[in-house]
N, C-alpha and C. Protein backbone atom coordinates (compact mmCIF):
# COMPACT_ATOMS: atom_id res chain seq x y z
N MET A 1 19.26 16.66 11.34
CA MET A 1 18.08 16.40 12.14
C MET A 1 17.15 15.65 11.29
N SER A 2 16.59 14.57 11.81
CA SER A 2 15.67 13.76 11.03
C SER A 2 14.25 14.14 11.21
N ARG A 3 13.44 13.92 10.14
CA ARG A 3 12.02 14.28 10.22
C ARG A 3 11.20 13.19 10.86
N THR A 4 10.11 13.63 11.46
CA THR A 4 9.11 12.66 11.98
C THR A 4 8.32 12.01 10.83
N VAL A 5 7.62 11.04 11.09
CA VAL A 5 6.71 10.38 10.12
C VAL A 5 5.77 11.46 9.55
N THR A 6 5.14 12.15 10.49
CA THR A 6 4.14 13.27 10.05
C THR A 6 4.81 14.29 9.21
N GLU A 7 6.01 14.69 9.52
CA GLU A 7 6.72 15.65 8.65
C GLU A 7 7.02 15.11 7.26
N ILE A 8 7.38 13.83 7.17
CA ILE A 8 7.60 13.24 5.91
C ILE A 8 6.29 13.11 5.08
N GLN A 9 5.25 12.77 5.81
CA GLN A 9 3.89 12.66 5.10
C GLN A 9 3.53 13.99 4.56
N LYS A 10 3.69 15.10 5.30
CA LYS A 10 3.35 16.38 4.81
C LYS A 10 4.23 16.81 3.67
N PHE A 11 5.56 16.53 3.77
CA PHE A 11 6.43 16.77 2.64
C PHE A 11 6.01 16.04 1.44
N PHE A 12 5.71 14.74 1.55
CA PHE A 12 5.26 13.87 0.46
C PHE A 12 4.06 14.48 -0.18
N LEU A 13 3.05 14.87 0.58
CA LEU A 13 1.74 15.31 0.06
C LEU A 13 1.75 16.78 -0.37
N SER A 14 2.89 17.48 -0.22
CA SER A 14 2.99 18.88 -0.71
C SER A 14 3.57 18.95 -2.10
N SER A 15 3.89 17.78 -2.70
CA SER A 15 4.43 17.73 -4.08
C SER A 15 3.37 18.20 -5.08
N PRO A 16 3.93 18.79 -6.21
CA PRO A 16 2.96 19.16 -7.29
C PRO A 16 2.53 17.97 -8.20
N ARG A 17 3.29 16.87 -8.09
CA ARG A 17 2.99 15.73 -8.93
C ARG A 17 3.19 14.44 -8.10
N TYR A 18 2.50 13.36 -8.54
CA TYR A 18 2.60 12.08 -7.90
C TYR A 18 2.62 10.97 -8.91
N ALA A 19 3.19 9.82 -8.48
CA ALA A 19 3.27 8.60 -9.29
C ALA A 19 2.85 7.42 -8.43
N VAL A 20 2.36 6.42 -9.08
CA VAL A 20 1.99 5.19 -8.38
C VAL A 20 2.69 4.01 -9.13
N VAL A 21 3.65 3.36 -8.41
CA VAL A 21 4.31 2.25 -9.00
C VAL A 21 3.59 1.02 -8.41
N GLY A 22 3.18 0.10 -9.26
CA GLY A 22 2.37 -0.98 -8.82
C GLY A 22 0.92 -0.81 -9.11
N ALA A 23 0.55 0.27 -9.89
CA ALA A 23 -0.75 0.50 -10.21
C ALA A 23 -1.30 -0.69 -11.08
N SER A 24 -2.52 -1.00 -10.97
CA SER A 24 -3.13 -2.12 -11.65
C SER A 24 -4.47 -1.80 -12.21
N ARG A 25 -4.81 -2.51 -13.31
CA ARG A 25 -6.18 -2.38 -13.80
C ARG A 25 -7.18 -3.02 -12.91
N ASP A 26 -6.77 -4.01 -12.14
CA ASP A 26 -7.61 -4.80 -11.22
C ASP A 26 -8.01 -3.90 -10.03
N GLN A 27 -9.30 -3.51 -10.00
CA GLN A 27 -9.82 -2.54 -9.00
C GLN A 27 -9.84 -3.13 -7.56
N SER A 28 -9.60 -4.41 -7.45
CA SER A 28 -9.52 -5.00 -6.18
C SER A 28 -8.14 -4.95 -5.51
N LYS A 29 -7.14 -4.53 -6.32
CA LYS A 29 -5.73 -4.45 -5.92
C LYS A 29 -5.44 -3.10 -5.29
N TYR A 30 -4.52 -3.08 -4.34
CA TYR A 30 -4.20 -1.88 -3.66
C TYR A 30 -3.55 -0.84 -4.59
N GLY A 31 -2.76 -1.33 -5.58
CA GLY A 31 -2.21 -0.43 -6.60
C GLY A 31 -3.25 0.42 -7.26
N ASN A 32 -4.41 -0.18 -7.58
CA ASN A 32 -5.47 0.58 -8.16
C ASN A 32 -6.19 1.50 -7.17
N LYS A 33 -6.31 0.97 -5.95
CA LYS A 33 -6.96 1.80 -4.90
C LYS A 33 -6.16 3.07 -4.58
N VAL A 34 -4.84 2.91 -4.58
CA VAL A 34 -3.99 4.09 -4.32
C VAL A 34 -4.08 5.06 -5.48
N LEU A 35 -4.03 4.53 -6.67
CA LEU A 35 -4.26 5.45 -7.86
C LEU A 35 -5.55 6.16 -7.80
N GLN A 36 -6.58 5.41 -7.51
CA GLN A 36 -7.97 6.06 -7.38
C GLN A 36 -7.95 7.10 -6.32
N TRP A 37 -7.22 6.93 -5.22
CA TRP A 37 -7.19 7.90 -4.09
C TRP A 37 -6.69 9.20 -4.64
N TYR A 38 -5.65 9.26 -5.46
CA TYR A 38 -5.08 10.47 -6.02
C TYR A 38 -6.11 11.04 -7.01
N LEU A 39 -6.68 10.20 -7.88
CA LEU A 39 -7.63 10.69 -8.92
C LEU A 39 -8.80 11.39 -8.29
N LYS A 40 -9.37 10.76 -7.30
CA LYS A 40 -10.56 11.27 -6.60
C LYS A 40 -10.25 12.68 -5.96
N ARG A 41 -9.05 12.93 -5.69
CA ARG A 41 -8.70 14.21 -5.04
C ARG A 41 -8.18 15.22 -6.06
N ASN A 42 -8.34 14.82 -7.32
CA ASN A 42 -7.89 15.71 -8.47
C ASN A 42 -6.41 16.07 -8.39
N LEU A 43 -5.57 15.09 -7.99
CA LEU A 43 -4.18 15.39 -7.85
C LEU A 43 -3.51 14.86 -9.17
N LEU A 44 -2.49 15.51 -9.60
CA LEU A 44 -1.80 15.09 -10.85
C LEU A 44 -0.97 13.87 -10.60
N VAL A 45 -1.46 12.77 -11.16
CA VAL A 45 -0.80 11.46 -10.87
C VAL A 45 -0.51 10.67 -12.17
N THR A 46 0.59 9.99 -12.15
CA THR A 46 0.97 9.14 -13.27
C THR A 46 1.16 7.71 -12.83
N PRO A 47 0.44 6.79 -13.38
CA PRO A 47 0.65 5.36 -13.02
C PRO A 47 1.96 4.94 -13.78
N VAL A 48 2.75 4.11 -13.03
CA VAL A 48 4.02 3.59 -13.60
C VAL A 48 3.71 2.06 -13.69
N HIS A 49 3.78 1.59 -15.05
CA HIS A 49 3.58 0.22 -15.28
C HIS A 49 4.32 -0.16 -16.54
N PRO A 50 5.15 -1.27 -16.48
CA PRO A 50 5.99 -1.60 -17.65
C PRO A 50 5.25 -2.15 -18.85
N LYS A 51 4.01 -2.54 -18.68
CA LYS A 51 3.25 -3.15 -19.86
C LYS A 51 2.02 -2.39 -20.26
N GLU A 52 1.29 -1.83 -19.37
CA GLU A 52 0.06 -1.21 -19.69
C GLU A 52 0.30 0.22 -20.22
N ASN A 53 -0.61 0.61 -21.22
CA ASN A 53 -0.49 1.99 -21.78
C ASN A 53 -1.29 3.01 -21.00
N GLU A 54 -2.39 2.51 -20.32
CA GLU A 54 -3.16 3.35 -19.49
C GLU A 54 -3.87 2.54 -18.43
N ILE A 55 -4.15 3.25 -17.25
CA ILE A 55 -4.86 2.58 -16.21
C ILE A 55 -5.83 3.61 -15.72
N GLU A 56 -7.11 3.28 -15.57
CA GLU A 56 -8.18 4.16 -15.12
C GLU A 56 -8.17 5.45 -15.98
N GLY A 57 -7.94 5.32 -17.31
CA GLY A 57 -8.02 6.42 -18.21
C GLY A 57 -6.80 7.36 -18.20
N VAL A 58 -5.79 7.02 -17.42
CA VAL A 58 -4.60 7.85 -17.29
C VAL A 58 -3.43 7.16 -18.03
N ALA A 59 -2.73 7.87 -18.82
CA ALA A 59 -1.60 7.32 -19.52
C ALA A 59 -0.48 6.95 -18.56
N THR A 60 0.14 5.77 -18.77
CA THR A 60 1.18 5.30 -17.89
C THR A 60 2.57 5.68 -18.49
N VAL A 61 3.58 5.49 -17.66
CA VAL A 61 4.92 5.56 -18.16
C VAL A 61 5.55 4.18 -17.68
N PRO A 62 6.53 3.62 -18.46
CA PRO A 62 7.02 2.35 -18.12
C PRO A 62 7.99 2.28 -16.81
N ASN A 63 8.55 3.42 -16.50
CA ASN A 63 9.47 3.39 -15.37
C ASN A 63 9.68 4.83 -14.81
N LEU A 64 10.29 4.90 -13.68
CA LEU A 64 10.43 6.21 -12.98
C LEU A 64 11.18 7.20 -13.83
N ALA A 65 12.15 6.80 -14.64
CA ALA A 65 12.92 7.72 -15.48
C ALA A 65 12.06 8.41 -16.49
N ASP A 66 10.98 7.77 -16.83
CA ASP A 66 10.11 8.38 -17.88
C ASP A 66 9.00 9.33 -17.28
N LEU A 67 9.02 9.58 -15.96
CA LEU A 67 8.03 10.54 -15.38
C LEU A 67 8.37 11.96 -16.03
N PRO A 68 7.35 12.76 -16.21
CA PRO A 68 7.59 14.07 -16.77
C PRO A 68 8.52 14.96 -15.99
N ALA A 69 8.48 14.82 -14.62
CA ALA A 69 9.32 15.72 -13.82
C ALA A 69 9.63 14.93 -12.55
N PRO A 70 10.62 14.00 -12.57
CA PRO A 70 10.88 13.14 -11.44
C PRO A 70 11.26 13.92 -10.21
N THR A 71 12.00 15.06 -10.35
CA THR A 71 12.45 15.77 -9.20
C THR A 71 11.29 16.53 -8.48
N GLU A 72 10.12 16.52 -9.11
CA GLU A 72 8.92 17.19 -8.48
C GLU A 72 7.79 16.24 -8.20
N THR A 73 8.13 14.88 -8.23
CA THR A 73 7.09 13.96 -8.12
C THR A 73 7.38 12.99 -6.85
N SER A 74 6.30 12.98 -5.94
CA SER A 74 6.28 12.01 -4.85
C SER A 74 5.74 10.67 -5.40
N VAL A 75 6.36 9.61 -4.96
CA VAL A 75 6.02 8.31 -5.55
C VAL A 75 5.55 7.38 -4.51
N SER A 76 4.28 6.82 -4.73
CA SER A 76 3.75 5.74 -3.91
C SER A 76 4.17 4.42 -4.54
N ILE A 77 4.69 3.50 -3.72
CA ILE A 77 5.17 2.24 -4.14
C ILE A 77 4.34 1.10 -3.54
N ILE A 78 3.72 0.32 -4.38
CA ILE A 78 2.92 -0.90 -3.99
C ILE A 78 3.47 -2.03 -4.72
N THR A 79 4.66 -2.58 -4.40
CA THR A 79 5.28 -3.61 -5.06
C THR A 79 5.90 -4.59 -4.05
N ASN A 80 6.30 -5.76 -4.52
CA ASN A 80 6.94 -6.66 -3.53
C ASN A 80 8.37 -6.12 -3.25
N PRO A 81 8.90 -6.42 -2.11
CA PRO A 81 10.19 -5.86 -1.63
C PRO A 81 11.31 -5.97 -2.61
N LYS A 82 11.47 -7.03 -3.38
CA LYS A 82 12.53 -7.18 -4.37
C LYS A 82 12.46 -6.09 -5.48
N VAL A 83 11.24 -5.82 -5.96
CA VAL A 83 11.01 -4.79 -6.89
C VAL A 83 11.29 -3.39 -6.21
N THR A 84 10.76 -3.29 -5.00
CA THR A 84 10.92 -1.99 -4.26
C THR A 84 12.43 -1.59 -4.17
N LEU A 85 13.29 -2.52 -3.87
CA LEU A 85 14.68 -2.24 -3.72
C LEU A 85 15.24 -1.59 -5.02
N GLY A 86 14.87 -2.14 -6.19
CA GLY A 86 15.40 -1.56 -7.43
C GLY A 86 14.77 -0.15 -7.65
N LEU A 87 13.55 0.03 -7.21
CA LEU A 87 12.87 1.35 -7.35
C LEU A 87 13.51 2.40 -6.49
N LEU A 88 13.94 1.97 -5.27
CA LEU A 88 14.62 2.95 -4.43
C LEU A 88 15.96 3.37 -5.06
N GLN A 89 16.63 2.44 -5.64
CA GLN A 89 17.90 2.83 -6.30
C GLN A 89 17.66 3.78 -7.40
N GLN A 90 16.64 3.54 -8.24
CA GLN A 90 16.38 4.43 -9.36
C GLN A 90 15.93 5.80 -8.81
N ALA A 91 15.10 5.81 -7.80
CA ALA A 91 14.60 7.09 -7.21
C ALA A 91 15.75 7.90 -6.64
N LYS A 92 16.69 7.28 -6.04
CA LYS A 92 17.90 7.97 -5.54
C LYS A 92 18.69 8.58 -6.65
N GLU A 93 18.89 7.78 -7.79
CA GLU A 93 19.57 8.37 -8.95
C GLU A 93 18.81 9.50 -9.63
N LEU A 94 17.53 9.42 -9.60
CA LEU A 94 16.65 10.45 -10.24
C LEU A 94 16.30 11.62 -9.37
N ASN A 95 16.80 11.58 -8.06
CA ASN A 95 16.58 12.59 -7.08
C ASN A 95 15.05 12.87 -6.84
N ILE A 96 14.29 11.81 -6.79
CA ILE A 96 12.93 11.91 -6.43
C ILE A 96 12.82 12.33 -4.98
N PRO A 97 11.98 13.38 -4.73
CA PRO A 97 11.99 13.98 -3.38
C PRO A 97 11.41 13.14 -2.29
N ALA A 98 10.41 12.31 -2.56
CA ALA A 98 9.74 11.56 -1.48
C ALA A 98 9.12 10.30 -1.94
N LEU A 99 9.13 9.31 -1.14
CA LEU A 99 8.47 7.95 -1.53
C LEU A 99 7.66 7.46 -0.33
N TRP A 100 6.61 6.86 -0.65
CA TRP A 100 5.70 6.24 0.44
C TRP A 100 5.57 4.80 0.02
N LEU A 101 6.21 3.91 0.82
CA LEU A 101 6.12 2.47 0.60
C LEU A 101 4.88 2.04 1.31
N GLN A 102 3.96 1.60 0.58
CA GLN A 102 2.70 1.07 1.22
C GLN A 102 2.98 -0.22 1.96
N PRO A 103 2.18 -0.57 2.93
CA PRO A 103 2.47 -1.74 3.80
C PRO A 103 2.65 -3.02 2.89
N GLY A 104 3.76 -3.74 3.20
CA GLY A 104 4.09 -4.95 2.45
C GLY A 104 5.14 -4.68 1.38
N ALA A 105 5.50 -3.47 1.11
CA ALA A 105 6.43 -3.11 0.01
C ALA A 105 7.91 -3.23 0.54
N GLU A 106 8.06 -3.46 1.83
CA GLU A 106 9.49 -3.35 2.34
C GLU A 106 9.73 -4.68 3.06
N ASP A 107 11.07 -4.98 3.19
CA ASP A 107 11.58 -6.07 4.01
C ASP A 107 12.84 -5.55 4.58
N ASP A 108 13.62 -6.44 5.22
CA ASP A 108 14.84 -6.00 5.90
C ASP A 108 15.90 -5.41 4.95
N ALA A 109 16.00 -6.03 3.71
CA ALA A 109 16.88 -5.52 2.71
C ALA A 109 16.51 -4.02 2.29
N VAL A 110 15.25 -3.81 2.14
CA VAL A 110 14.78 -2.50 1.78
C VAL A 110 15.03 -1.49 2.84
N LYS A 111 14.72 -1.85 4.16
CA LYS A 111 14.99 -1.02 5.27
C LYS A 111 16.47 -0.69 5.36
N GLY A 112 17.33 -1.73 5.17
CA GLY A 112 18.73 -1.58 5.26
C GLY A 112 19.27 -0.61 4.21
N TYR A 113 18.69 -0.72 2.96
CA TYR A 113 19.12 0.20 1.87
C TYR A 113 18.71 1.66 2.21
N ILE A 114 17.55 1.87 2.76
CA ILE A 114 17.06 3.16 3.14
C ILE A 114 18.05 3.78 4.09
N ARG A 115 18.35 3.07 5.20
CA ARG A 115 19.29 3.52 6.17
C ARG A 115 20.72 3.74 5.68
N ALA A 116 21.23 2.87 4.84
CA ALA A 116 22.57 2.93 4.36
C ALA A 116 22.76 4.06 3.41
N ASN A 117 21.66 4.49 2.76
CA ASN A 117 21.79 5.53 1.71
C ASN A 117 21.22 6.87 2.19
N GLY A 118 20.92 6.98 3.47
CA GLY A 118 20.53 8.28 3.98
C GLY A 118 19.13 8.72 3.52
N LEU A 119 18.30 7.78 3.29
CA LEU A 119 16.96 8.11 2.73
C LEU A 119 15.86 8.22 3.76
N GLU A 120 16.24 8.05 4.99
CA GLU A 120 15.19 8.05 6.08
C GLU A 120 14.22 9.29 6.10
N ASP A 121 14.82 10.45 5.69
CA ASP A 121 13.99 11.67 5.66
C ASP A 121 13.12 11.82 4.36
N LYS A 122 13.25 10.89 3.45
CA LYS A 122 12.46 10.93 2.22
C LYS A 122 11.54 9.73 2.02
N VAL A 123 11.70 8.74 2.77
CA VAL A 123 10.90 7.51 2.53
C VAL A 123 10.02 7.12 3.74
N LEU A 124 8.73 7.00 3.52
CA LEU A 124 7.77 6.49 4.51
C LEU A 124 7.74 4.93 4.35
N TYR A 125 7.89 4.24 5.45
CA TYR A 125 7.80 2.84 5.36
C TYR A 125 7.51 2.34 6.83
N GLY A 126 7.11 1.06 6.81
CA GLY A 126 6.93 0.43 8.14
C GLY A 126 5.52 0.58 8.70
N GLY A 127 4.53 0.92 7.85
CA GLY A 127 3.20 0.87 8.38
C GLY A 127 2.15 1.86 7.87
N PRO A 128 2.44 3.17 7.88
CA PRO A 128 1.39 4.08 7.52
C PRO A 128 0.94 3.86 6.06
N CYS A 129 -0.33 3.84 5.86
CA CYS A 129 -0.92 3.76 4.51
C CYS A 129 -1.52 5.00 4.04
N ILE A 130 -1.33 5.45 2.80
CA ILE A 130 -1.96 6.69 2.33
C ILE A 130 -3.44 6.63 2.29
N LEU A 131 -3.99 5.42 2.12
CA LEU A 131 -5.47 5.31 2.09
C LEU A 131 -6.07 5.55 3.46
N VAL A 132 -5.33 5.38 4.52
CA VAL A 132 -5.80 5.55 5.87
C VAL A 132 -5.40 6.98 6.39
N GLU A 133 -4.19 7.39 6.08
CA GLU A 133 -3.64 8.61 6.71
C GLU A 133 -3.55 9.77 5.71
N GLY A 134 -3.71 9.57 4.48
CA GLY A 134 -3.54 10.64 3.47
C GLY A 134 -4.47 11.81 3.66
N ASP A 135 -5.76 11.59 3.89
CA ASP A 135 -6.67 12.73 3.96
C ASP A 135 -6.38 13.57 5.19
N GLY A 136 -6.13 12.95 6.32
CA GLY A 136 -5.83 13.71 7.51
C GLY A 136 -4.63 14.59 7.32
N THR A 137 -3.56 14.02 6.72
CA THR A 137 -2.33 14.73 6.46
C THR A 137 -2.57 15.89 5.50
N ARG A 138 -3.40 15.70 4.48
CA ARG A 138 -3.67 16.73 3.49
C ARG A 138 -4.42 17.84 4.14
N LYS A 139 -5.40 17.54 5.05
CA LYS A 139 -6.12 18.59 5.78
C LYS A 139 -5.23 19.46 6.65
N SER A 140 -4.16 18.81 7.20
CA SER A 140 -3.26 19.62 8.03
C SER A 140 -2.37 20.55 7.29
N LEU A 141 -2.35 20.37 5.91
CA LEU A 141 -1.52 21.26 5.04
C LEU A 141 -2.33 22.53 4.69
N LEU A 142 -3.65 22.47 4.86
CA LEU A 142 -4.47 23.67 4.49
C LEU A 142 -4.38 24.78 5.51
């Protein structure tokens, strides 16, 4: 039985930990805005960045494998689709429970990988943005 988008959003936002891949020091970029969204809600979040040591005062890790607890971490992805595809492969290997691809992070190859690997119940893609729908979903969990 497959989950609805709302069910996946609730599952994603019920995690004890979060990560943002594509986090940026540039506050005009969506990667920074998504990171700020977690920080402003006092959620435990780790930015993932291969070169930066910290973003917005939070220590980064260079890749998903270096997350403190990957199997307990929901991951927001704000990257181009070619990078997203590799991240999905890593996430599958690490048994990351849920991923939210922000608008623009997917293409046909990414969607095909999600379907071919049975990840439809773990990955949000195709439109909803955490900046728009995150608060409403969090309120529904209370």
